[in-house]
Amino acid sequence: MPPTSVLVVDDSALMRRALKAILTAAGDFEVHTARNGVDALDQLGRVRPDVVTLDINMPEMDGLTCLAKIMEESPVPVVMVSSLTEHNALVTLEALELGAVDYVPKPGGTVSLNIDEVAVELVSKVRSAAGARLRGAGRVGARIRAQTARAAAAPGRDIGAVGAVDLVLIGSSTGGPGLLTELLSELPATFGAPLVVAQHIPASFTAPLARRLDETCALRVHEVDRIMNLERGNIYIGRGNADVVVARRTSALIVKSVPAAADYRWHPSVDRLVASARRYIDPRRMVCALLTGMGDDGATEMAAVKEGGGRTIAEAEETAVVWGMPGELARRGGASVVLPSYEIAAKLADWVR
C-alpha cells in the first residue's frame, strides 16, 4: 500500500520540522510542507495530498481562509492543528463547520516546543482523516432536505406523544461539532424533552461550542459546568476532558460534570452518560442517537437501551465523517433506525413531541 501523502501547513519552520518528524517516524506517511495558506494552495495541485494539516494563525493567508478555498477548489480531508486559546477554539469550531475533519491541539501554544505530547493523537487523527468522508460540500442541501422531511412528517407517526420521552441522549466524536450545529438547529422550540450531548472534545472547546449552538438553536444550550436540572426546551453539552452523567436529586433529574473515569477511553464518555441515565429512567422513555466518530463509544449502552424497549438512531455510513461509533451500533443490532444526518433531526422531532 502506498504511503499516505500529507501536506503540513504552518508558518513556523520549527513546527513544520516537528510535525514532519512525527509523521515520518510513523512510517506510513509521505510528508510535504507549506509555510502558509498561499503556499499550501499553490502546492495542492502538484502534491495532491491525501490529508492536509492546517495551522490557524499564519501571515498572508490564515488557516480559515485557506480551508474555505481548499473546500471550494480541491476538497481534501483537513486536520486543524492549533493552540487552544479561547479565540482559536472559536475559529477551530468554525473550521469544523466549514468541513475540517478533526483537530489536534498544540499543547504549548502557537509554537509548541512540546508538540511530542500529542504525537500519538496527531498520527491517529491523520490516519483516520485519510479515510474520512467530507461533509462541507453537501451541508446546504442537507439542511434543505432536513427541513422538507420535518415538514412532511405526519402527525401521530411512531410513538411521539408529549411526555412519552423523558430524555434524549446524543453521542458524537470526529466530525461531530459541525453535525451538531446542523442537527440541533433543526429542532423546534417545542421539542418535548431535555437533550444531553457527549461530544469528544477538549475542555477549552465546550463553552465556545455551547455559546455557538445557543446562537443558532431554538432551544437553549448550556455547557454542563455545574449541577443542572434537566428541563424541557434545553440542550446540555458535556464538558470536555471530563464525563457527563445523569442523576437524581430529590424528585428532579439532574445532569452534572464528573472527573473522567479511567474505565472509559474517550471523554466525555457516551457509554458512561447512557449508563447513568438508565439507572434513573426507563429505557422505553429514552431516545438515543449515535453520530459520526472513531471507535465504539456509546454502542454498548445504546444497544442496551434498544433491548430495553427504547429507541435509538445510528447515523448512516453515507453521511458519517467516520462510521465507527454509529457503525458499531448498527452492527450490534442496537439501532432502531439507521438514518443519514439530514433526516435525524426530523426523526427526533417526530419521536419527541
Protein backbone atom coordinates (compact mmCIF):
# COMPACT_ATOMS: atom_id res chain seq x y z
CA MET A 1 0.00 0.00 0.00
CA PRO A 2 1.46 3.40 -0.94
CA PRO A 3 2.15 5.85 1.89
CA THR A 4 -0.44 8.47 2.81
CA SER A 5 0.55 11.84 1.38
CA VAL A 6 0.30 14.67 3.92
CA LEU A 7 0.78 18.40 3.41
CA VAL A 8 1.77 20.10 6.69
CA VAL A 9 0.91 23.82 6.67
CA ASP A 10 2.40 26.03 9.41
CA ASP A 11 4.17 29.39 9.34
CA SER A 12 6.72 28.25 11.94
CA ALA A 13 9.71 26.41 10.44
CA LEU A 14 10.22 24.76 13.83
CA MET A 15 6.66 23.42 13.87
CA ARG A 16 6.88 22.23 10.27
CA ARG A 17 10.01 20.24 11.11
CA ALA A 18 8.48 18.83 14.30
CA LEU A 19 5.22 17.77 12.67
CA LYS A 20 7.05 16.29 9.70
CA ALA A 21 9.34 14.33 12.02
CA ILE A 22 6.40 12.88 13.98
CA LEU A 23 4.55 11.76 10.86
CA THR A 24 7.68 10.47 9.09
CA ALA A 25 8.60 8.41 12.16
CA ALA A 26 5.22 6.69 11.98
CA GLY A 27 6.46 5.01 8.78
CA ASP A 28 3.38 5.23 6.54
CA PHE A 29 3.33 8.91 5.57
CA GLU A 30 4.94 10.90 2.79
CA VAL A 31 5.17 14.43 4.19
CA HIS A 32 5.33 17.76 2.36
CA THR A 33 5.32 21.19 3.98
CA ALA A 34 3.97 24.67 3.24
CA ARG A 35 4.71 27.92 5.11
CA ASN A 36 1.24 29.49 4.89
CA GLY A 37 -2.14 29.28 3.14
CA VAL A 38 -0.92 30.81 -0.12
CA ASP A 39 1.94 28.32 -0.32
CA ALA A 40 -0.42 25.46 0.52
CA LEU A 41 -2.89 26.32 -2.25
CA ASP A 42 -0.02 26.62 -4.69
CA GLN A 43 1.21 23.13 -3.78
CA LEU A 44 -2.12 21.31 -3.70
CA GLY A 45 -2.26 20.65 -7.42
CA ARG A 46 1.31 19.32 -7.53
CA VAL A 47 1.41 17.35 -4.29
CA ARG A 48 -2.19 16.08 -4.38
CA PRO A 49 -2.15 15.18 -0.66
CA ASP A 50 -4.48 12.67 0.94
CA VAL A 51 -4.62 14.85 4.08
CA VAL A 52 -3.70 18.44 4.97
CA THR A 53 -2.77 19.57 8.49
CA LEU A 54 -3.51 23.26 8.83
CA ASP A 55 -2.44 25.90 11.35
CA ILE A 56 -4.85 28.78 12.08
CA ASN A 57 -2.69 31.85 12.66
CA MET A 58 -0.49 32.45 9.60
CA PRO A 59 0.61 35.52 7.60
CA GLU A 60 -0.55 36.24 4.02
CA MET A 61 -3.43 33.78 4.31
CA ASP A 62 -4.75 32.38 7.59
CA GLY A 63 -5.89 28.82 8.09
CA LEU A 64 -9.62 29.53 7.97
CA THR A 65 -9.39 31.34 4.63
CA CYS A 66 -7.18 28.60 3.27
CA LEU A 67 -9.61 25.93 4.44
CA ALA A 68 -12.54 27.64 2.74
CA LYS A 69 -10.59 27.78 -0.54
CA ILE A 70 -9.50 24.15 -0.23
CA MET A 71 -13.10 23.02 0.27
CA GLU A 72 -14.27 25.12 -2.65
CA GLU A 73 -11.49 24.41 -5.14
CA SER A 74 -9.99 20.99 -4.35
CA PRO A 75 -11.68 19.27 -1.36
CA VAL A 76 -9.37 17.11 0.72
CA PRO A 77 -9.56 15.97 4.38
CA VAL A 78 -8.11 18.65 6.67
CA VAL A 79 -6.96 18.31 10.28
CA MET A 80 -6.61 21.64 12.11
CA VAL A 81 -3.53 21.93 14.32
CA SER A 82 -3.73 24.93 16.65
CA SER A 83 -3.26 26.19 20.18
CA LEU A 84 -6.35 26.01 22.37
CA THR A 85 -6.81 29.66 23.23
CA GLU A 86 -10.38 30.96 23.53
CA HIS A 87 -10.05 32.67 20.13
CA ASN A 88 -8.55 29.64 18.43
CA ALA A 89 -11.25 27.38 19.92
CA LEU A 90 -13.91 29.52 18.26
CA VAL A 91 -12.04 29.58 14.96
CA THR A 92 -11.44 25.82 15.08
CA LEU A 93 -15.16 25.21 15.65
CA GLU A 94 -15.85 27.37 12.61
CA ALA A 95 -13.30 25.32 10.67
CA LEU A 96 -15.07 22.09 11.65
CA GLU A 97 -18.34 23.57 10.42
CA LEU A 98 -16.65 24.53 7.14
CA GLY A 99 -15.59 20.94 6.58
CA ALA A 100 -12.38 20.23 8.50
CA VAL A 101 -12.41 16.60 9.64
CA ASP A 102 -10.71 16.96 13.00
CA TYR A 103 -8.28 18.99 15.10
CA VAL A 104 -5.14 18.43 17.17
CA PRO A 105 -4.22 20.86 19.97
CA LYS A 106 -0.76 22.37 20.23
CA PRO A 107 -0.09 21.80 23.94
CA GLY A 108 2.31 24.73 24.34
CA GLY A 109 0.79 27.47 22.24
CA THR A 110 1.34 28.63 18.66
CA VAL A 111 4.97 27.50 18.55
CA SER A 112 4.78 24.40 20.73
CA LEU A 113 8.12 23.10 21.93
CA ASN A 114 6.37 20.09 23.48
CA ILE A 115 4.41 19.02 20.39
CA ASP A 116 5.63 15.45 21.00
CA GLU A 117 2.98 15.25 23.75
CA VAL A 118 0.31 14.93 21.05
CA ALA A 119 2.33 12.76 18.64
CA VAL A 120 0.12 9.69 19.10
CA GLU A 121 -3.05 11.78 18.67
CA LEU A 122 -1.66 13.50 15.57
CA VAL A 123 -0.74 10.24 13.86
CA SER A 124 -4.07 8.62 14.76
CA LYS A 125 -6.16 11.54 13.54
CA VAL A 126 -4.23 11.98 10.30
CA ARG A 127 -4.62 8.27 9.54
CA SER A 128 -8.33 8.45 10.28
CA ALA A 129 -8.72 11.59 8.18
CA ALA A 130 -7.22 9.84 5.16
CA GLY A 131 -10.30 7.62 5.03
CA ALA A 132 -12.82 10.20 6.20
CA ARG A 133 -15.85 11.45 4.29
CA LEU A 134 -16.01 15.20 3.70
CA ARG A 135 -19.15 16.90 4.98
CA GLY A 136 -18.83 20.54 3.91
CA ALA A 137 -19.96 20.32 0.29
CA GLY A 138 -23.41 18.90 0.97
CA ARG A 139 -24.33 20.93 4.06
CA VAL A 140 -26.77 23.38 2.44
CA GLY A 141 -28.58 20.66 0.52
CA ALA A 142 -28.72 18.51 3.63
CA ARG A 143 -30.35 21.31 5.61
CA ILE A 144 -32.98 21.81 2.91
CA ARG A 145 -33.71 18.07 2.85
CA ALA A 146 -34.00 18.03 6.65
CA GLN A 147 -36.48 20.91 6.62
CA THR A 148 -38.52 19.19 3.92
CA ALA A 149 -38.50 15.92 5.83
CA ARG A 150 -39.65 17.61 9.01
CA ALA A 151 -42.43 19.48 7.22
CA ALA A 152 -43.59 16.21 5.67
CA ALA A 153 -43.60 14.29 8.94
CA ALA A 154 -47.17 13.15 9.52
CA PRO A 155 -48.69 13.90 12.96
CA GLY A 156 -49.19 10.81 15.10
CA ARG A 157 -46.47 8.73 13.40
CA ASP A 158 -44.43 6.48 15.75
CA ILE A 159 -44.98 7.00 19.50
CA GLY A 160 -44.13 10.65 19.84
CA ALA A 161 -46.80 11.91 22.28
CA VAL A 162 -45.88 14.69 24.71
CA GLY A 163 -44.46 13.12 27.86
CA ALA A 164 -43.64 9.79 26.18
CA VAL A 165 -39.91 10.63 26.24
CA ASP A 166 -38.15 11.83 29.39
CA LEU A 167 -34.65 12.29 27.95
CA VAL A 168 -32.72 12.37 24.67
CA LEU A 169 -29.01 11.46 24.59
CA ILE A 170 -26.61 12.15 21.71
CA GLY A 171 -23.04 10.91 21.34
CA SER A 172 -20.53 12.03 18.73
CA SER A 173 -16.82 12.36 18.07
CA THR A 174 -14.86 13.01 14.85
CA GLY A 175 -16.95 15.26 12.62
CA GLY A 176 -19.43 15.88 15.43
CA PRO A 177 -19.21 19.64 16.10
CA GLY A 178 -20.23 20.57 12.57
CA LEU A 179 -23.01 17.99 12.51
CA LEU A 180 -24.32 19.08 15.91
CA THR A 181 -24.65 22.64 14.65
CA GLU A 182 -26.66 21.39 11.68
CA LEU A 183 -28.78 18.90 13.58
CA LEU A 184 -29.61 20.80 16.76
CA SER A 185 -30.51 23.97 14.90
CA GLU A 186 -33.26 21.97 13.15
CA LEU A 187 -35.04 21.03 16.39
CA PRO A 188 -38.20 23.07 17.11
CA ALA A 189 -38.67 25.25 20.20
CA THR A 190 -41.50 22.88 21.21
CA PHE A 191 -39.13 19.87 21.46
CA GLY A 192 -40.60 17.78 24.26
CA ALA A 193 -37.63 16.53 26.28
CA PRO A 194 -34.26 17.70 27.61
CA LEU A 195 -31.29 16.65 25.47
CA VAL A 196 -27.76 15.82 26.70
CA VAL A 197 -24.76 15.65 24.35
CA ALA A 198 -21.48 13.81 24.93
CA GLN A 199 -19.11 15.12 22.23
CA HIS A 200 -15.47 14.04 22.46
CA ILE A 201 -13.79 17.43 22.74
CA PRO A 202 -11.17 19.35 24.76
CA ALA A 203 -12.38 21.30 27.80
CA SER A 204 -11.49 24.65 26.24
CA PHE A 205 -13.89 23.94 23.36
CA THR A 206 -17.12 23.19 25.20
CA ALA A 207 -18.05 26.67 26.41
CA PRO A 208 -17.49 28.22 22.94
CA LEU A 209 -19.38 25.31 21.35
CA ALA A 210 -22.33 25.77 23.72
CA ARG A 211 -22.42 29.53 23.07
CA ARG A 212 -22.21 28.99 19.32
CA LEU A 213 -25.05 26.45 19.40
CA ASP A 214 -27.14 28.69 21.64
CA GLU A 215 -26.98 31.39 18.97
CA THR A 216 -28.27 29.06 16.24
CA CYS A 217 -30.76 26.82 18.07
CA ALA A 218 -34.39 27.41 19.01
CA LEU A 219 -33.65 25.54 22.27
CA ARG A 220 -31.40 26.94 24.99
CA VAL A 221 -27.91 25.42 25.05
CA HIS A 222 -25.68 25.12 28.14
CA GLU A 223 -22.24 23.78 28.95
CA VAL A 224 -22.56 21.42 31.92
CA ASP A 225 -20.20 23.25 34.27
CA ARG A 226 -22.21 22.66 37.46
CA ILE A 227 -25.16 20.57 38.68
CA MET A 228 -28.13 21.50 36.49
CA ASN A 229 -31.77 20.41 36.50
CA LEU A 230 -32.82 18.63 33.31
CA GLU A 231 -35.63 20.67 31.78
CA ARG A 232 -37.57 20.55 28.53
CA GLY A 233 -36.51 23.13 25.98
CA ASN A 234 -32.84 22.83 26.94
CA ILE A 235 -29.73 21.17 25.49
CA TYR A 236 -26.82 20.28 27.77
CA ILE A 237 -23.27 19.90 26.37
CA GLY A 238 -20.94 17.73 28.45
CA ARG A 239 -17.72 19.47 29.45
CA GLY A 240 -14.58 18.31 27.64
CA ASN A 241 -11.85 16.26 29.34
CA ALA A 242 -14.49 15.10 31.86
CA ASP A 243 -17.57 12.90 31.83
CA VAL A 244 -21.20 13.98 31.93
CA VAL A 245 -23.74 11.92 33.88
CA VAL A 246 -27.42 11.92 34.75
CA ALA A 247 -28.50 11.56 38.37
CA ARG A 248 -31.50 12.26 40.61
CA ARG A 249 -31.73 14.87 43.37
CA THR A 250 -34.93 14.61 45.43
CA SER A 251 -37.63 14.32 42.75
CA ALA A 252 -35.74 16.02 39.91
CA LEU A 253 -33.41 14.59 37.29
CA ILE A 254 -30.10 16.43 37.09
CA VAL A 255 -27.03 16.42 34.87
CA LYS A 256 -23.52 17.07 36.13
CA SER A 257 -19.88 17.01 35.10
CA VAL A 258 -17.65 14.48 36.88
CA PRO A 259 -13.95 13.60 36.56
CA ALA A 260 -13.16 11.42 33.56
CA ALA A 261 -13.23 7.74 34.51
CA ALA A 262 -10.20 5.67 33.56
CA ASP A 263 -12.50 2.76 32.65
CA TYR A 264 -13.60 4.68 29.56
CA ARG A 265 -11.27 5.52 26.67
CA TRP A 266 -12.96 8.65 25.29
CA HIS A 267 -14.34 11.70 27.11
CA PRO A 268 -16.97 12.85 27.69
CA SER A 269 -17.86 9.15 27.57
CA VAL A 270 -21.06 8.33 25.67
CA ASP A 271 -21.31 4.90 27.29
CA ARG A 272 -20.98 6.37 30.78
CA LEU A 273 -23.63 9.01 30.04
CA VAL A 274 -26.15 6.47 28.75
CA ALA A 275 -25.40 4.01 31.57
CA SER A 276 -26.02 6.72 34.16
CA ALA A 277 -29.34 7.64 32.54
CA ARG A 278 -30.51 4.02 32.51
CA ARG A 279 -30.22 3.90 36.31
CA TYR A 280 -32.96 6.50 36.68
CA ILE A 281 -35.06 6.37 33.51
CA ASP A 282 -36.98 3.50 31.96
CA PRO A 283 -35.32 2.82 28.58
CA ARG A 284 -38.77 2.93 26.99
CA ARG A 285 -38.85 6.63 27.86
CA MET A 286 -35.42 7.34 26.34
CA VAL A 287 -34.24 8.23 22.83
CA CYS A 288 -30.58 7.97 21.85
CA ALA A 289 -28.63 8.94 18.73
CA LEU A 290 -25.07 7.89 17.93
CA LEU A 291 -23.35 10.08 15.37
CA THR A 292 -20.07 10.16 13.48
CA GLY A 293 -16.88 9.18 15.30
CA MET A 294 -13.98 6.76 15.61
CA GLY A 295 -14.19 3.73 17.86
CA ASP A 296 -17.25 2.24 19.53
CA ASP A 297 -18.10 4.60 22.39
CA GLY A 298 -21.84 4.52 23.04
CA ALA A 299 -22.58 1.34 21.12
CA THR A 300 -22.79 -0.97 24.14
CA GLU A 301 -25.09 1.18 26.25
CA MET A 302 -27.32 2.40 23.40
CA ALA A 303 -27.80 -1.20 22.31
CA ALA A 304 -28.95 -1.92 25.88
CA VAL A 305 -31.45 0.96 25.62
CA LYS A 306 -32.93 -0.58 22.47
CA GLU A 307 -33.03 -4.01 24.08
CA GLY A 308 -34.95 -2.46 26.97
CA GLY A 309 -37.59 -1.01 24.64
CA GLY A 310 -36.07 2.40 23.93
CA ARG A 311 -35.50 3.97 20.53
CA THR A 312 -32.07 4.55 19.03
CA ILE A 313 -30.67 6.17 15.89
CA ALA A 314 -27.35 5.39 14.21
CA GLU A 315 -26.07 7.86 11.62
CA ALA A 316 -25.80 6.17 8.22
CA GLU A 317 -22.44 5.45 6.63
CA GLU A 318 -23.30 7.64 3.63
CA THR A 319 -23.09 10.84 5.69
CA ALA A 320 -20.84 9.97 8.65
CA VAL A 321 -17.37 11.51 8.50
CA VAL A 322 -16.16 8.34 10.24
CA TRP A 323 -18.59 5.42 10.50
CA GLY A 324 -17.03 3.93 13.63
CA MET A 325 -19.37 4.59 16.54
CA PRO A 326 -22.69 4.52 14.66
CA GLY A 327 -21.48 1.64 12.51
CA GLU A 328 -20.75 -0.42 15.61
CA LEU A 329 -24.23 0.29 16.99
CA ALA A 330 -25.76 -0.83 13.69
CA ARG A 331 -23.60 -3.97 13.53
CA ARG A 332 -24.72 -4.97 17.02
CA GLY A 333 -28.36 -4.66 16.04
CA GLY A 334 -28.69 -1.78 18.51
CA ALA A 335 -30.17 0.79 16.14
CA SER A 336 -33.93 1.17 15.81
CA VAL A 337 -33.23 3.11 12.62
CA VAL A 338 -30.14 3.97 10.58
CA LEU A 339 -30.53 7.42 9.05
CA PRO A 340 -28.45 9.90 7.04
CA SER A 341 -27.58 13.01 9.03
CA TYR A 342 -30.14 15.20 7.27
CA GLU A 343 -33.03 13.00 8.48
CA ILE A 344 -32.04 12.69 12.14
CA ALA A 345 -33.49 15.99 13.42
CA ALA A 346 -36.85 15.25 11.81
CA LYS A 347 -36.95 11.79 13.37
CA LEU A 348 -36.05 13.17 16.81
CA ALA A 349 -38.76 15.84 16.49
CA ASP A 350 -41.24 13.16 15.42
CA TRP A 351 -40.43 10.88 18.36
CA VAL A 352 -40.12 13.64 20.97
CA ARG A 353 -43.10 15.99 20.90
